[in-house]
Every structure is written in structure tokens, then in C-alpha cells.
Amino acid sequence: MVLLLIASVPAWPYSRTWGYGPSGTVGAGVIVMLWLVLTGQV
């Protein structure tokens, strides 16, 4: 999960125009996984 967070940072000039799409998607995935771990689903 940490690798996905690092990979979603806009490091290249063309990816800076993507906005919050990639990091927002990864952030939502992290929140869902955290929720599942805390509730004992995983």
C-alpha cells in the first residue's frame, strides 16, 4: 500500500495535469483496506 501511495505522486510533468485522480483513487483504496482491517474482515 505504501508503494502505491508513493507511485501516485506526480513525478513527471505530463502526470501533473491529471489532478487528484490517481492519488484520490489510491487514497480511497487505503481507507477501504484500513476499514476492513480494523473491522476484522481481512
PDB file of N, CA and C in Angstrom:
ATOM      1  N   MET A   1       0.824  -1.185   0.000  1.00  0.00           N
ATOM      2  CA  MET A   1       0.000   0.000   0.000  1.00  0.00           C
ATOM      3  C   MET A   1       0.875   1.257   0.000  1.00  0.00           C
ATOM      4  N   VAL A   2       1.971   1.215   0.731  1.00  0.00           N
ATOM      5  CA  VAL A   2       2.863   2.370   0.763  1.00  0.00           C
ATOM      6  C   VAL A   2       3.451   2.608  -0.619  1.00  0.00           C
ATOM      7  N   LEU A   3       3.787   1.539  -1.317  1.00  0.00           N
ATOM      8  CA  LEU A   3       4.329   1.660  -2.667  1.00  0.00           C
ATOM      9  C   LEU A   3       3.314   2.307  -3.603  1.00  0.00           C
ATOM     10  N   LEU A   4       2.046   1.963  -3.463  1.00  0.00           N
ATOM     11  CA  LEU A   4       1.007   2.589  -4.281  1.00  0.00           C
ATOM     12  C   LEU A   4       0.885   4.076  -3.977  1.00  0.00           C
ATOM     13  N   LEU A   5       0.999   4.447  -2.713  1.00  0.00           N
ATOM     14  CA  LEU A   5       0.936   5.863  -2.359  1.00  0.00           C
ATOM     15  C   LEU A   5       2.101   6.636  -2.958  1.00  0.00           C
ATOM     16  N   ILE A   6       3.288   6.044  -2.913  1.00  0.00           N
ATOM     17  CA  ILE A   6       4.463   6.705  -3.490  1.00  0.00           C
ATOM     18  C   ILE A   6       4.336   6.784  -5.007  1.00  0.00           C
ATOM     19  N   ALA A   7       3.809   5.740  -5.617  1.00  0.00           N
ATOM     20  CA  ALA A   7       3.679   5.714  -7.076  1.00  0.00           C
ATOM     21  C   ALA A   7       2.643   6.706  -7.577  1.00  0.00           C
ATOM     22  N   SER A   8       1.700   7.112  -6.738  1.00  0.00           N
ATOM     23  CA  SER A   8       0.647   8.021  -7.192  1.00  0.00           C
ATOM     24  C   SER A   8       1.067   9.485  -7.145  1.00  0.00           C
ATOM     25  N   VAL A   9       2.242   9.784  -6.578  1.00  0.00           N
ATOM     26  CA  VAL A   9       2.727  11.161  -6.532  1.00  0.00           C
ATOM     27  C   VAL A   9       3.132  11.579  -7.939  1.00  0.00           C
ATOM     28  N   PRO A  10       2.658  12.747  -8.408  1.00  0.00           N
ATOM     29  CA  PRO A  10       3.001  13.178  -9.775  1.00  0.00           C
ATOM     30  C   PRO A  10       4.474  13.543  -9.898  1.00  0.00           C
ATOM     31  N   ALA A  11       5.264  12.641 -10.438  1.00  0.00           N
ATOM     32  CA  ALA A  11       6.701  12.864 -10.561  1.00  0.00           C
ATOM     33  C   ALA A  11       7.097  13.370 -11.949  1.00  0.00           C
ATOM     34  N   TRP A  12       6.268  13.135 -12.947  1.00  0.00           N
ATOM     35  CA  TRP A  12       6.598  13.521 -14.307  1.00  0.00           C
ATOM     36  C   TRP A  12       5.720  14.699 -14.718  1.00  0.00           C
ATOM     37  N   PRO A  13       6.220  15.578 -15.568  1.00  0.00           N
ATOM     38  CA  PRO A  13       5.449  16.772 -15.947  1.00  0.00           C
ATOM     39  C   PRO A  13       4.082  16.455 -16.556  1.00  0.00           C
ATOM     40  N   TYR A  14       3.977  15.424 -17.378  1.00  0.00           N
ATOM     41  CA  TYR A  14       2.695  15.132 -18.014  1.00  0.00           C
ATOM     42  C   TYR A  14       1.669  14.615 -17.012  1.00  0.00           C
ATOM     43  N   SER A  15       2.120  13.988 -15.929  1.00  0.00           N
ATOM     44  CA  SER A  15       1.168  13.447 -14.960  1.00  0.00           C
ATOM     45  C   SER A  15       0.661  14.503 -13.989  1.00  0.00           C
ATOM     46  N   ARG A  16       1.263  15.672 -13.976  1.00  0.00           N
ATOM     47  CA  ARG A  16       0.790  16.736 -13.082  1.00  0.00           C
ATOM     48  C   ARG A  16      -0.552  17.282 -13.532  1.00  0.00           C
ATOM     49  N   THR A  17      -0.898  17.106 -14.781  1.00  0.00           N
ATOM     50  CA  THR A  17      -2.186  17.607 -15.274  1.00  0.00           C
ATOM     51  C   THR A  17      -3.324  16.649 -14.969  1.00  0.00           C
ATOM     52  N   TRP A  18      -3.032  15.491 -14.415  1.00  0.00           N
ATOM     53  CA  TRP A  18      -4.074  14.509 -14.113  1.00  0.00           C
ATOM     54  C   TRP A  18      -4.907  14.919 -12.915  1.00  0.00           C
ATOM     55  N   GLY A  19      -4.402  15.832 -12.099  1.00  0.00           N
ATOM     56  CA  GLY A  19      -5.142  16.264 -10.920  1.00  0.00           C
ATOM     57  C   GLY A  19      -5.078  15.241  -9.800  1.00  0.00           C
ATOM     58  N   TYR A  20      -6.195  15.130  -9.060  1.00  0.00           N
ATOM     59  CA  TYR A  20      -6.224  14.256  -7.888  1.00  0.00           C
ATOM     60  C   TYR A  20      -6.729  12.858  -8.207  1.00  0.00           C
ATOM     61  N   GLY A  21      -6.944  12.533  -9.448  1.00  0.00           N
ATOM     62  CA  GLY A  21      -7.485  11.227  -9.811  1.00  0.00           C
ATOM     63  C   GLY A  21      -6.693  10.040  -9.293  1.00  0.00           C
ATOM     64  N   PRO A  22      -5.422   9.896  -9.660  1.00  0.00           N
ATOM     65  CA  PRO A  22      -4.654   8.728  -9.196  1.00  0.00           C
ATOM     66  C   PRO A  22      -4.482   8.683  -7.680  1.00  0.00           C
ATOM     67  N   SER A  23      -4.125   9.812  -7.074  1.00  0.00           N
ATOM     68  CA  SER A  23      -3.906   9.799  -5.627  1.00  0.00           C
ATOM     69  C   SER A  23      -5.219   9.660  -4.872  1.00  0.00           C
ATOM     70  N   GLY A  24      -6.306  10.193  -5.428  1.00  0.00           N
ATOM     71  CA  GLY A  24      -7.611  10.035  -4.784  1.00  0.00           C
ATOM     72  C   GLY A  24      -8.083   8.596  -4.813  1.00  0.00           C
ATOM     73  N   THR A  25      -7.828   7.920  -5.922  1.00  0.00           N
ATOM     74  CA  THR A  25      -8.206   6.511  -6.037  1.00  0.00           C
ATOM     75  C   THR A  25      -7.395   5.654  -5.071  1.00  0.00           C
ATOM     76  N   VAL A  26      -6.101   5.900  -5.001  1.00  0.00           N
ATOM     77  CA  VAL A  26      -5.256   5.148  -4.075  1.00  0.00           C
ATOM     78  C   VAL A  26      -5.641   5.458  -2.634  1.00  0.00           C
ATOM     79  N   GLY A  27      -5.934   6.722  -2.348  1.00  0.00           N
ATOM     80  CA  GLY A  27      -6.356   7.101  -1.001  1.00  0.00           C
ATOM     81  C   GLY A  27      -7.644   6.416  -0.592  1.00  0.00           C
ATOM     82  N   ALA A  28      -8.599   6.331  -1.518  1.00  0.00           N
ATOM     83  CA  ALA A  28      -9.853   5.633  -1.230  1.00  0.00           C
ATOM     84  C   ALA A  28      -9.592   4.150  -0.978  1.00  0.00           C
ATOM     85  N   GLY A  29      -8.695   3.558  -1.744  1.00  0.00           N
ATOM     86  CA  GLY A  29      -8.347   2.152  -1.528  1.00  0.00           C
ATOM     87  C   GLY A  29      -7.703   1.925  -0.172  1.00  0.00           C
ATOM     88  N   VAL A  30      -6.844   2.855   0.243  1.00  0.00           N
ATOM     89  CA  VAL A  30      -6.204   2.748   1.557  1.00  0.00           C
ATOM     90  C   VAL A  30      -7.241   2.848   2.664  1.00  0.00           C
ATOM     91  N   ILE A  31      -8.192   3.759   2.517  1.00  0.00           N
ATOM     92  CA  ILE A  31      -9.243   3.911   3.529  1.00  0.00           C
ATOM     93  C   ILE A  31     -10.091   2.651   3.616  1.00  0.00           C
ATOM     94  N   VAL A  32     -10.450   2.083   2.472  1.00  0.00           N
ATOM     95  CA  VAL A  32     -11.254   0.855   2.466  1.00  0.00           C
ATOM     96  C   VAL A  32     -10.480  -0.292   3.105  1.00  0.00           C
ATOM     97  N   MET A  33      -9.209  -0.451   2.747  1.00  0.00           N
ATOM     98  CA  MET A  33      -8.404  -1.526   3.336  1.00  0.00           C
ATOM     99  C   MET A  33      -8.232  -1.332   4.838  1.00  0.00           C
ATOM    100  N   LEU A  34      -8.013  -0.098   5.269  1.00  0.00           N
ATOM    101  CA  LEU A  34      -7.883   0.186   6.691  1.00  0.00           C
ATOM    102  C   LEU A  34      -9.171  -0.148   7.427  1.00  0.00           C
ATOM    103  N   TRP A  35     -10.306   0.209   6.850  1.00  0.00           N
ATOM    104  CA  TRP A  35     -11.604  -0.104   7.450  1.00  0.00           C
ATOM    105  C   TRP A  35     -11.804  -1.618   7.567  1.00  0.00           C
ATOM    106  N   LEU A  36     -11.463  -2.347   6.510  1.00  0.00           N
ATOM    107  CA  LEU A  36     -11.614  -3.799   6.538  1.00  0.00           C
ATOM    108  C   LEU A  36     -10.704  -4.446   7.576  1.00  0.00           C
ATOM    109  N   VAL A  37      -9.490  -3.943   7.703  1.00  0.00           N
ATOM    110  CA  VAL A  37      -8.563  -4.492   8.694  1.00  0.00           C
ATOM    111  C   VAL A  37      -9.059  -4.192  10.108  1.00  0.00           C
ATOM    112  N   LEU A  38      -9.528  -2.978  10.338  1.00  0.00           N
ATOM    113  CA  LEU A  38      -9.981  -2.602  11.676  1.00  0.00           C
ATOM    114  C   LEU A  38     -11.252  -3.331  12.087  1.00  0.00           C
ATOM    115  N   THR A  39     -12.106  -3.660  11.133  1.00  0.00           N
ATOM    116  CA  THR A  39     -13.339  -4.368  11.472  1.00  0.00           C
ATOM    117  C   THR A  39     -13.161  -5.882  11.447  1.00  0.00           C
ATOM    118  N   GLY A  40     -11.974  -6.358  11.091  1.00  0.00           N
ATOM    119  CA  GLY A  40     -11.695  -7.787  11.115  1.00  0.00           C
ATOM    120  C   GLY A  40     -12.201  -8.542   9.902  1.00  0.00           C
ATOM    121  N   GLN A  41     -12.484  -7.864   8.823  1.00  0.00           N
ATOM    122  CA  GLN A  41     -12.971  -8.507   7.606  1.00  0.00           C
ATOM    123  C   GLN A  41     -11.839  -9.151   6.815  1.00  0.00           C
ATOM    124  N   VAL A  42     -10.621  -8.674   7.003  1.00  0.00           N
ATOM    125  CA  VAL A  42      -9.474  -9.197   6.252  1.00  0.00           C
ATOM    126  C   VAL A  42      -8.581  -9.972   7.180  1.00  0.00           C
TER     127      VAL A  42
END
